[in-house]
Amino acid sequence: MEFEYKITSDEYAAAQALYHRLTGGRKRVQHTISVILVGSFFLVVAWNQRPIDWAQFLVGSLGVGWIYRGVLNLLLPARHFRRYYLTSELAEKSFRAKINEDGLDVAGDANIWQVKWQGVRWKGEDKRVFMFYSYGTIFIFGKQYLTSDQQEEMRMLGGLKR
């Protein structure tokens, strides 16, 4: 099967969230909990200072902001990952994929990747994307570029169960 595709910010976020869900995503969760704890520390410091003045208000506001950011990142991971789309250098780039029983051949403007199915460590799918991870690279294939027959073939070739 051969097709051309682009990776949108929503597809990027969906694939990143899927990867982190499959791998446990411990680092992201630990970082988010750290952000919430730092925010809580700022709130406690601001609350315990008397009399209340602008310094305590600013420290408390900073704490509320950190807690808010941490809770959003924990509850809405796609929003967190979408922020990094532009720095991923995937925006507006086109790719060509050739997928068969041997593996994945993906070509971009500046790179070519060839991966045998045995080299794919993590794989998954959600309502938007197919995601395959191999040796530090996440391959993202948006379902919008695939017909239903191609999606079934992708599941079969990739060993994804439905």
N, C-alpha and C. Protein backbone atom coordinates (compact mmCIF):
# COMPACT_ATOMS: atom_id res chain seq x y z
N MET A 1 0.85 -1.16 0.00
CA MET A 1 0.00 0.00 0.00
C MET A 1 0.90 1.23 0.00
N GLU A 2 0.56 2.22 -0.80
CA GLU A 2 1.30 3.46 -0.88
C GLU A 2 0.33 4.64 -0.77
N PHE A 3 0.76 5.69 -0.07
CA PHE A 3 -0.06 6.88 0.05
C PHE A 3 0.81 8.06 0.46
N GLU A 4 0.30 9.26 0.22
CA GLU A 4 0.95 10.50 0.66
C GLU A 4 0.11 11.10 1.78
N TYR A 5 0.78 11.79 2.69
CA TYR A 5 0.05 12.35 3.83
C TYR A 5 0.83 13.50 4.45
N LYS A 6 0.14 14.25 5.29
CA LYS A 6 0.71 15.28 6.15
C LYS A 6 0.28 14.94 7.57
N ILE A 7 0.96 15.50 8.52
CA ILE A 7 0.62 15.28 9.92
C ILE A 7 0.09 16.59 10.49
N THR A 8 -1.16 16.60 10.90
CA THR A 8 -1.76 17.80 11.48
C THR A 8 -1.42 17.88 12.97
N SER A 9 -1.67 19.03 13.57
CA SER A 9 -1.39 19.17 15.00
C SER A 9 -2.26 18.24 15.83
N ASP A 10 -3.51 18.02 15.41
CA ASP A 10 -4.38 17.09 16.14
C ASP A 10 -3.87 15.66 16.05
N GLU A 11 -3.40 15.27 14.86
CA GLU A 11 -2.85 13.92 14.69
C GLU A 11 -1.55 13.76 15.49
N TYR A 12 -0.74 14.78 15.49
CA TYR A 12 0.50 14.76 16.26
C TYR A 12 0.19 14.55 17.75
N ALA A 13 -0.75 15.34 18.25
CA ALA A 13 -1.13 15.25 19.66
C ALA A 13 -1.74 13.88 19.98
N ALA A 14 -2.58 13.37 19.09
CA ALA A 14 -3.21 12.07 19.31
C ALA A 14 -2.16 10.96 19.34
N ALA A 15 -1.19 11.01 18.44
CA ALA A 15 -0.14 9.98 18.40
C ALA A 15 0.76 10.06 19.63
N GLN A 16 1.12 11.27 20.05
CA GLN A 16 1.94 11.42 21.25
C GLN A 16 1.22 10.90 22.48
N ALA A 17 -0.06 11.24 22.61
CA ALA A 17 -0.85 10.76 23.75
C ALA A 17 -0.97 9.24 23.72
N LEU A 18 -1.16 8.68 22.53
CA LEU A 18 -1.25 7.23 22.38
C LEU A 18 0.07 6.58 22.78
N TYR A 19 1.18 7.12 22.32
CA TYR A 19 2.50 6.59 22.67
C TYR A 19 2.71 6.61 24.18
N HIS A 20 2.41 7.73 24.81
CA HIS A 20 2.60 7.83 26.25
C HIS A 20 1.65 6.92 27.03
N ARG A 21 0.47 6.71 26.50
CA ARG A 21 -0.46 5.78 27.14
C ARG A 21 0.07 4.35 27.04
N LEU A 22 0.64 4.00 25.89
CA LEU A 22 1.17 2.65 25.71
C LEU A 22 2.43 2.39 26.52
N THR A 23 3.26 3.41 26.69
CA THR A 23 4.53 3.24 27.39
C THR A 23 4.45 3.60 28.87
N GLY A 24 3.30 3.98 29.33
CA GLY A 24 3.15 4.33 30.73
C GLY A 24 3.21 5.82 30.98
N GLY A 25 3.93 6.56 30.16
CA GLY A 25 3.99 8.02 30.26
C GLY A 25 4.42 8.54 31.62
N ARG A 26 5.29 7.81 32.32
CA ARG A 26 5.65 8.17 33.68
C ARG A 26 6.34 9.53 33.78
N LYS A 27 7.24 9.83 32.86
CA LYS A 27 7.97 11.10 32.95
C LYS A 27 7.03 12.29 32.87
N ARG A 28 6.09 12.25 31.94
CA ARG A 28 5.16 13.36 31.79
C ARG A 28 4.31 13.52 33.04
N VAL A 29 3.83 12.39 33.58
CA VAL A 29 2.99 12.44 34.78
C VAL A 29 3.81 12.93 35.97
N GLN A 30 5.05 12.46 36.10
CA GLN A 30 5.90 12.92 37.20
C GLN A 30 6.18 14.41 37.10
N HIS A 31 6.44 14.88 35.89
CA HIS A 31 6.68 16.32 35.69
C HIS A 31 5.43 17.12 36.06
N THR A 32 4.28 16.64 35.64
CA THR A 32 3.03 17.34 35.92
C THR A 32 2.76 17.39 37.41
N ILE A 33 2.99 16.31 38.11
CA ILE A 33 2.79 16.29 39.56
C ILE A 33 3.77 17.24 40.24
N SER A 34 5.00 17.31 39.73
CA SER A 34 5.98 18.26 40.27
C SER A 34 5.50 19.70 40.11
N VAL A 35 4.93 20.01 38.95
CA VAL A 35 4.41 21.36 38.70
C VAL A 35 3.29 21.67 39.69
N ILE A 36 2.41 20.72 39.93
CA ILE A 36 1.30 20.93 40.88
C ILE A 36 1.85 21.13 42.30
N LEU A 37 2.86 20.35 42.69
CA LEU A 37 3.44 20.50 44.02
C LEU A 37 4.13 21.85 44.20
N VAL A 38 4.85 22.31 43.18
CA VAL A 38 5.48 23.63 43.26
C VAL A 38 4.41 24.71 43.40
N GLY A 39 3.34 24.60 42.63
CA GLY A 39 2.25 25.55 42.75
C GLY A 39 1.63 25.53 44.13
N SER A 40 1.48 24.33 44.68
CA SER A 40 0.92 24.21 46.04
C SER A 40 1.85 24.86 47.07
N PHE A 41 3.15 24.68 46.90
CA PHE A 41 4.12 25.30 47.79
C PHE A 41 3.98 26.83 47.76
N PHE A 42 3.89 27.40 46.56
CA PHE A 42 3.71 28.85 46.45
C PHE A 42 2.43 29.31 47.14
N LEU A 43 1.36 28.53 46.99
CA LEU A 43 0.09 28.89 47.64
C LEU A 43 0.23 28.87 49.16
N VAL A 44 0.88 27.85 49.70
CA VAL A 44 1.05 27.74 51.15
C VAL A 44 1.90 28.90 51.67
N VAL A 45 2.98 29.22 50.97
CA VAL A 45 3.83 30.34 51.38
C VAL A 45 3.03 31.64 51.39
N ALA A 46 2.26 31.87 50.33
CA ALA A 46 1.47 33.10 50.25
C ALA A 46 0.41 33.15 51.35
N TRP A 47 -0.22 32.03 51.65
CA TRP A 47 -1.30 31.98 52.63
C TRP A 47 -0.79 32.22 54.05
N ASN A 48 0.41 31.75 54.35
CA ASN A 48 0.94 31.82 55.71
C ASN A 48 1.62 33.14 56.05
N GLN A 49 1.76 34.04 55.12
CA GLN A 49 2.40 35.34 55.40
C GLN A 49 1.34 36.35 55.81
N ARG A 50 1.62 37.08 56.87
CA ARG A 50 0.72 38.14 57.35
C ARG A 50 1.51 39.42 57.51
N PRO A 51 1.02 40.54 57.27
CA PRO A 51 -0.26 40.84 56.64
C PRO A 51 -0.19 40.58 55.14
N ILE A 52 -1.36 40.40 54.57
CA ILE A 52 -1.42 40.12 53.15
C ILE A 52 -1.18 41.41 52.37
N ASP A 53 -0.21 41.37 51.46
CA ASP A 53 0.07 42.51 50.60
C ASP A 53 0.29 42.02 49.17
N TRP A 54 0.82 42.89 48.33
CA TRP A 54 0.99 42.54 46.91
C TRP A 54 1.92 41.36 46.70
N ALA A 55 2.96 41.23 47.48
CA ALA A 55 3.91 40.12 47.32
C ALA A 55 3.20 38.77 47.51
N GLN A 56 2.39 38.67 48.56
CA GLN A 56 1.66 37.42 48.80
C GLN A 56 0.64 37.17 47.69
N PHE A 57 0.01 38.24 47.22
CA PHE A 57 -0.96 38.09 46.13
C PHE A 57 -0.26 37.56 44.88
N LEU A 58 0.90 38.10 44.56
CA LEU A 58 1.64 37.65 43.36
C LEU A 58 2.13 36.21 43.51
N VAL A 59 2.65 35.87 44.68
CA VAL A 59 3.12 34.49 44.91
C VAL A 59 1.95 33.52 44.86
N GLY A 60 0.83 33.90 45.46
CA GLY A 60 -0.37 33.06 45.42
C GLY A 60 -0.90 32.88 44.01
N SER A 61 -0.90 33.97 43.25
CA SER A 61 -1.35 33.90 41.85
C SER A 61 -0.44 32.99 41.03
N LEU A 62 0.85 33.09 41.28
CA LEU A 62 1.80 32.21 40.60
C LEU A 62 1.50 30.75 40.95
N GLY A 63 1.24 30.48 42.21
CA GLY A 63 0.92 29.12 42.64
C GLY A 63 -0.35 28.59 41.98
N VAL A 64 -1.38 29.42 41.92
CA VAL A 64 -2.64 29.02 41.27
C VAL A 64 -2.39 28.73 39.80
N GLY A 65 -1.57 29.55 39.14
CA GLY A 65 -1.26 29.34 37.73
C GLY A 65 -0.53 28.02 37.49
N TRP A 66 0.42 27.70 38.34
CA TRP A 66 1.16 26.44 38.19
C TRP A 66 0.24 25.24 38.43
N ILE A 67 -0.60 25.33 39.43
CA ILE A 67 -1.53 24.23 39.70
C ILE A 67 -2.48 24.05 38.52
N TYR A 68 -3.01 25.16 38.02
CA TYR A 68 -3.93 25.12 36.88
C TYR A 68 -3.25 24.47 35.67
N ARG A 69 -2.03 24.89 35.37
CA ARG A 69 -1.29 24.32 34.24
C ARG A 69 -1.06 22.81 34.43
N GLY A 70 -0.69 22.42 35.64
CA GLY A 70 -0.45 21.01 35.91
C GLY A 70 -1.70 20.16 35.77
N VAL A 71 -2.81 20.65 36.29
CA VAL A 71 -4.07 19.90 36.20
C VAL A 71 -4.51 19.77 34.74
N LEU A 72 -4.39 20.86 33.97
CA LEU A 72 -4.74 20.79 32.55
C LEU A 72 -3.87 19.78 31.80
N ASN A 73 -2.57 19.79 32.06
CA ASN A 73 -1.67 18.84 31.39
C ASN A 73 -1.98 17.40 31.78
N LEU A 74 -2.42 17.21 33.00
CA LEU A 74 -2.75 15.86 33.46
C LEU A 74 -4.08 15.38 32.87
N LEU A 75 -5.07 16.27 32.84
CA LEU A 75 -6.40 15.88 32.38
C LEU A 75 -6.58 15.98 30.87
N LEU A 76 -5.84 16.87 30.23
CA LEU A 76 -5.97 17.10 28.78
C LEU A 76 -4.60 16.96 28.11
N PRO A 77 -4.07 15.75 28.00
CA PRO A 77 -2.72 15.60 27.45
C PRO A 77 -2.60 16.05 26.00
N ALA A 78 -3.66 15.93 25.20
CA ALA A 78 -3.58 16.34 23.80
C ALA A 78 -3.29 17.83 23.71
N ARG A 79 -3.87 18.62 24.58
CA ARG A 79 -3.60 20.06 24.61
C ARG A 79 -2.12 20.31 24.89
N HIS A 80 -1.57 19.54 25.82
CA HIS A 80 -0.15 19.66 26.18
C HIS A 80 0.73 19.32 24.97
N PHE A 81 0.45 18.23 24.28
CA PHE A 81 1.28 17.80 23.16
C PHE A 81 1.12 18.70 21.94
N ARG A 82 -0.07 19.25 21.74
CA ARG A 82 -0.33 20.11 20.59
C ARG A 82 0.57 21.34 20.60
N ARG A 83 0.96 21.79 21.79
CA ARG A 83 1.84 22.96 21.90
C ARG A 83 3.20 22.71 21.25
N TYR A 84 3.64 21.47 21.17
CA TYR A 84 4.97 21.16 20.65
C TYR A 84 4.97 20.81 19.17
N TYR A 85 3.83 20.88 18.53
CA TYR A 85 3.72 20.52 17.11
C TYR A 85 4.64 21.37 16.23
N LEU A 86 4.61 22.68 16.39
CA LEU A 86 5.42 23.55 15.53
C LEU A 86 6.91 23.33 15.70
N THR A 87 7.36 23.01 16.91
CA THR A 87 8.78 22.76 17.13
C THR A 87 9.20 21.37 16.68
N SER A 88 8.25 20.51 16.33
CA SER A 88 8.59 19.16 15.88
C SER A 88 9.04 19.13 14.42
N GLU A 89 8.92 20.25 13.72
CA GLU A 89 9.30 20.38 12.31
C GLU A 89 8.46 19.49 11.39
N LEU A 90 7.25 19.17 11.82
CA LEU A 90 6.34 18.37 11.00
C LEU A 90 5.27 19.21 10.31
N ALA A 91 5.12 20.44 10.75
CA ALA A 91 4.06 21.31 10.22
C ALA A 91 4.26 21.54 8.72
N GLU A 92 3.20 21.30 7.97
CA GLU A 92 3.17 21.53 6.52
C GLU A 92 4.16 20.68 5.72
N LYS A 93 4.70 19.62 6.31
CA LYS A 93 5.60 18.72 5.59
C LYS A 93 4.78 17.57 5.00
N SER A 94 5.14 17.16 3.81
CA SER A 94 4.49 16.03 3.15
C SER A 94 5.38 14.80 3.25
N PHE A 95 4.74 13.65 3.35
CA PHE A 95 5.45 12.38 3.44
C PHE A 95 4.83 11.39 2.47
N ARG A 96 5.62 10.44 2.04
CA ARG A 96 5.16 9.33 1.22
C ARG A 96 5.45 8.04 1.99
N ALA A 97 4.45 7.20 2.08
CA ALA A 97 4.62 5.95 2.80
C ALA A 97 4.36 4.76 1.89
N LYS A 98 5.18 3.77 2.04
CA LYS A 98 4.98 2.49 1.38
C LYS A 98 5.01 1.45 2.50
N ILE A 99 3.89 0.79 2.68
CA ILE A 99 3.76 -0.17 3.78
C ILE A 99 3.39 -1.52 3.20
N ASN A 100 4.17 -2.54 3.56
CA ASN A 100 3.90 -3.88 3.06
C ASN A 100 4.26 -4.90 4.14
N GLU A 101 4.26 -6.16 3.78
CA GLU A 101 4.51 -7.21 4.77
C GLU A 101 5.92 -7.16 5.34
N ASP A 102 6.86 -6.48 4.67
CA ASP A 102 8.22 -6.35 5.18
C ASP A 102 8.35 -5.27 6.25
N GLY A 103 7.62 -4.17 6.09
CA GLY A 103 7.72 -3.09 7.05
C GLY A 103 7.27 -1.76 6.48
N LEU A 104 7.86 -0.69 7.03
CA LEU A 104 7.50 0.68 6.67
C LEU A 104 8.63 1.32 5.88
N ASP A 105 8.31 1.99 4.80
CA ASP A 105 9.23 2.86 4.07
C ASP A 105 8.55 4.22 4.02
N VAL A 106 9.13 5.19 4.71
CA VAL A 106 8.55 6.52 4.77
C VAL A 106 9.60 7.51 4.28
N ALA A 107 9.18 8.39 3.38
CA ALA A 107 10.08 9.40 2.83
C ALA A 107 9.48 10.78 3.02
N GLY A 108 10.32 11.67 3.52
CA GLY A 108 9.95 13.08 3.64
C GLY A 108 10.81 13.89 2.70
N ASP A 109 10.79 15.21 2.86
CA ASP A 109 11.59 16.07 2.01
C ASP A 109 13.09 15.85 2.23
N ALA A 110 13.49 15.58 3.46
CA ALA A 110 14.92 15.49 3.77
C ALA A 110 15.35 14.15 4.33
N ASN A 111 14.41 13.27 4.65
CA ASN A 111 14.75 12.00 5.30
C ASN A 111 14.02 10.83 4.67
N ILE A 112 14.63 9.66 4.84
CA ILE A 112 13.99 8.41 4.44
C ILE A 112 14.18 7.43 5.60
N TRP A 113 13.08 6.79 5.99
CA TRP A 113 13.13 5.79 7.05
C TRP A 113 12.68 4.46 6.48
N GLN A 114 13.41 3.41 6.80
CA GLN A 114 13.01 2.06 6.45
C GLN A 114 13.07 1.23 7.73
N VAL A 115 11.93 0.67 8.09
CA VAL A 115 11.83 -0.08 9.34
C VAL A 115 11.12 -1.39 9.06
N LYS A 116 11.74 -2.47 9.48
CA LYS A 116 11.08 -3.78 9.38
C LYS A 116 10.11 -3.90 10.55
N TRP A 117 9.07 -4.70 10.36
CA TRP A 117 8.06 -4.84 11.41
C TRP A 117 8.67 -5.36 12.71
N GLN A 118 9.75 -6.14 12.63
CA GLN A 118 10.40 -6.65 13.84
C GLN A 118 11.01 -5.51 14.66
N GLY A 119 11.30 -4.38 14.02
CA GLY A 119 11.89 -3.24 14.71
C GLY A 119 10.88 -2.30 15.33
N VAL A 120 9.60 -2.57 15.13
CA VAL A 120 8.55 -1.72 15.71
C VAL A 120 8.29 -2.20 17.14
N ARG A 121 8.60 -1.32 18.09
CA ARG A 121 8.47 -1.71 19.50
C ARG A 121 7.07 -1.45 20.05
N TRP A 122 6.51 -0.29 19.75
CA TRP A 122 5.17 0.06 20.22
C TRP A 122 4.31 0.38 19.02
N LYS A 123 3.07 -0.05 19.06
CA LYS A 123 2.13 0.25 17.97
C LYS A 123 0.74 0.38 18.56
N GLY A 124 -0.03 1.23 17.93
CA GLY A 124 -1.39 1.42 18.42
C GLY A 124 -2.21 2.24 17.45
N GLU A 125 -3.47 2.36 17.77
CA GLU A 125 -4.36 3.16 16.94
C GLU A 125 -5.43 3.77 17.83
N ASP A 126 -5.90 4.92 17.41
CA ASP A 126 -7.07 5.51 18.03
C ASP A 126 -7.97 6.00 16.90
N LYS A 127 -8.94 6.82 17.20
CA LYS A 127 -9.91 7.20 16.17
C LYS A 127 -9.31 8.07 15.08
N ARG A 128 -8.15 8.70 15.32
CA ARG A 128 -7.54 9.59 14.33
C ARG A 128 -6.33 9.01 13.61
N VAL A 129 -5.53 8.23 14.32
CA VAL A 129 -4.21 7.85 13.78
C VAL A 129 -3.85 6.39 14.03
N PHE A 130 -2.89 5.95 13.22
CA PHE A 130 -2.11 4.76 13.51
C PHE A 130 -0.76 5.27 13.98
N MET A 131 -0.19 4.67 15.02
CA MET A 131 1.09 5.09 15.55
C MET A 131 2.00 3.87 15.67
N PHE A 132 3.22 4.00 15.14
CA PHE A 132 4.24 2.97 15.25
C PHE A 132 5.51 3.62 15.77
N TYR A 133 6.15 3.00 16.76
CA TYR A 133 7.37 3.55 17.36
C TYR A 133 8.51 2.58 17.11
N SER A 134 9.63 3.11 16.60
CA SER A 134 10.80 2.28 16.36
C SER A 134 12.06 3.11 16.54
N TYR A 135 12.92 2.69 17.43
CA TYR A 135 14.25 3.29 17.61
C TYR A 135 14.22 4.82 17.68
N GLY A 136 13.41 5.34 18.57
CA GLY A 136 13.37 6.78 18.81
C GLY A 136 12.53 7.58 17.85
N THR A 137 11.84 6.94 16.93
CA THR A 137 11.02 7.65 15.96
C THR A 137 9.58 7.17 16.06
N ILE A 138 8.66 8.13 16.13
CA ILE A 138 7.24 7.80 16.12
C ILE A 138 6.72 8.07 14.72
N PHE A 139 6.15 7.04 14.10
CA PHE A 139 5.55 7.17 12.78
C PHE A 139 4.05 7.38 12.98
N ILE A 140 3.54 8.46 12.41
CA ILE A 140 2.15 8.86 12.58
C ILE A 140 1.47 8.82 11.22
N PHE A 141 0.40 8.04 11.12
CA PHE A 141 -0.36 7.96 9.88
C PHE A 141 -1.80 8.33 10.18
N GLY A 142 -2.22 9.49 9.69
CA GLY A 142 -3.58 9.94 9.90
C GLY A 142 -4.57 9.09 9.11
N LYS A 143 -5.64 8.69 9.74
CA LYS A 143 -6.65 7.86 9.08
C LYS A 143 -7.38 8.59 7.98
N GLN A 144 -7.35 9.93 8.01
CA GLN A 144 -8.03 10.70 6.99
C GLN A 144 -7.42 10.49 5.61
N TYR A 145 -6.19 10.01 5.56
CA TYR A 145 -5.51 9.78 4.28
C TYR A 145 -5.67 8.35 3.77
N LEU A 146 -6.35 7.52 4.54
CA LEU A 146 -6.48 6.11 4.21
C LEU A 146 -7.95 5.74 3.99
N THR A 147 -8.18 4.91 2.97
CA THR A 147 -9.52 4.38 2.78
C THR A 147 -9.79 3.32 3.85
N SER A 148 -11.00 2.89 3.98
CA SER A 148 -11.31 1.86 4.99
C SER A 148 -10.58 0.56 4.67
N ASP A 149 -10.42 0.22 3.38
CA ASP A 149 -9.66 -0.98 3.02
C ASP A 149 -8.19 -0.83 3.40
N GLN A 150 -7.63 0.35 3.19
CA GLN A 150 -6.24 0.58 3.57
C GLN A 150 -6.07 0.52 5.09
N GLN A 151 -7.06 1.02 5.82
CA GLN A 151 -6.98 0.95 7.28
C GLN A 151 -6.98 -0.50 7.75
N GLU A 152 -7.81 -1.33 7.14
CA GLU A 152 -7.82 -2.75 7.50
C GLU A 152 -6.49 -3.42 7.15
N GLU A 153 -5.94 -3.05 6.00
CA GLU A 153 -4.64 -3.59 5.61
C GLU A 153 -3.56 -3.14 6.59
N MET A 154 -3.61 -1.88 7.03
CA MET A 154 -2.64 -1.36 8.01
C MET A 154 -2.73 -2.15 9.31
N ARG A 155 -3.94 -2.44 9.76
CA ARG A 155 -4.12 -3.23 10.99
C ARG A 155 -3.53 -4.61 10.82
N MET A 156 -3.78 -5.23 9.67
CA MET A 156 -3.29 -6.58 9.42
C MET A 156 -1.75 -6.57 9.35
N LEU A 157 -1.17 -5.68 8.56
CA LEU A 157 0.27 -5.65 8.40
C LEU A 157 0.98 -5.27 9.69
N GLY A 158 0.40 -4.32 10.42
CA GLY A 158 1.02 -3.85 11.65
C GLY A 158 0.77 -4.73 12.86
N GLY A 159 -0.07 -5.74 12.71
CA GLY A 159 -0.36 -6.61 13.85
C GLY A 159 -1.25 -5.96 14.88
N LEU A 160 -2.07 -5.03 14.47
CA LEU A 160 -3.00 -4.37 15.39
C LEU A 160 -4.29 -5.15 15.41
N LYS A 161 -4.76 -5.43 16.59
CA LYS A 161 -6.01 -6.18 16.72
C LYS A 161 -7.14 -5.21 16.94
N ARG A 162 -8.26 -5.52 16.40
CA ARG A 162 -9.42 -4.66 16.55
C ARG A 162 -10.48 -5.30 17.38
